[in-house]
Amino acid sequence: MDEHVQKSCWGLTAKAVLGFAGIILLAWLVSGADKVAVVAAG
C-alpha cells in the first residue's frame, strides 16, 4: 500500500511540474511575441 501512495505522489508531482513548465512556456511565448511585435512596429 505504501508503494501505491508513493507512485500516486510522484504522479501528482510530475503533473504539477509539467503544468508549471507549460505555464512558463506559454508566458515566454507570449512575451516573445510581444517583443517581436515591438521590434516590427519600431
Protein backbone atom coordinates (compact mmCIF):
# COMPACT_ATOMS: atom_id res chain seq x y z
CA MET A 1 0.00 0.00 0.00
CA ASP A 2 2.89 2.35 0.68
CA GLU A 3 4.17 1.85 -2.85
CA HIS A 4 0.78 2.83 -4.29
CA VAL A 5 0.80 6.04 -2.26
CA GLN A 6 4.36 6.81 -3.35
CA LYS A 7 3.54 6.27 -7.04
CA SER A 8 0.47 8.48 -6.68
CA CYS A 9 2.58 11.18 -5.08
CA TRP A 10 5.17 11.05 -7.87
CA GLY A 11 2.41 11.15 -10.48
CA LEU A 12 0.96 14.26 -8.86
CA THR A 13 4.41 15.83 -8.68
CA ALA A 14 5.06 15.09 -12.35
CA LYS A 15 1.72 16.64 -13.36
CA ALA A 16 2.46 19.73 -11.26
CA VAL A 17 5.92 20.15 -12.79
CA LEU A 18 4.63 19.70 -16.34
CA GLY A 19 1.77 22.11 -15.71
CA PHE A 20 4.12 24.72 -14.25
CA ALA A 21 6.53 24.28 -17.18
CA GLY A 22 3.63 24.67 -19.60
CA ILE A 23 2.54 27.92 -17.98
CA ILE A 24 6.08 29.31 -18.08
CA LEU A 25 6.45 28.23 -21.73
CA LEU A 26 3.16 29.92 -22.62
CA ALA A 27 4.19 33.13 -20.81
CA TRP A 28 7.58 33.04 -22.57
CA LEU A 29 5.95 32.63 -25.97
CA VAL A 30 3.54 35.49 -25.28
CA SER A 31 6.33 37.80 -24.08
CA GLY A 32 8.43 36.76 -27.08
CA ALA A 33 5.55 37.58 -29.43
CA ASP A 34 5.18 40.98 -27.77
CA LYS A 35 8.89 41.69 -28.27
CA VAL A 36 8.66 40.69 -31.93
CA ALA A 37 5.65 42.98 -32.39
CA VAL A 38 7.52 45.88 -30.77
CA VAL A 39 10.55 45.31 -32.99
CA ALA A 40 8.34 45.07 -36.09
CA ALA A 41 6.46 48.25 -35.12
CA GLY A 42 9.68 50.11 -34.38
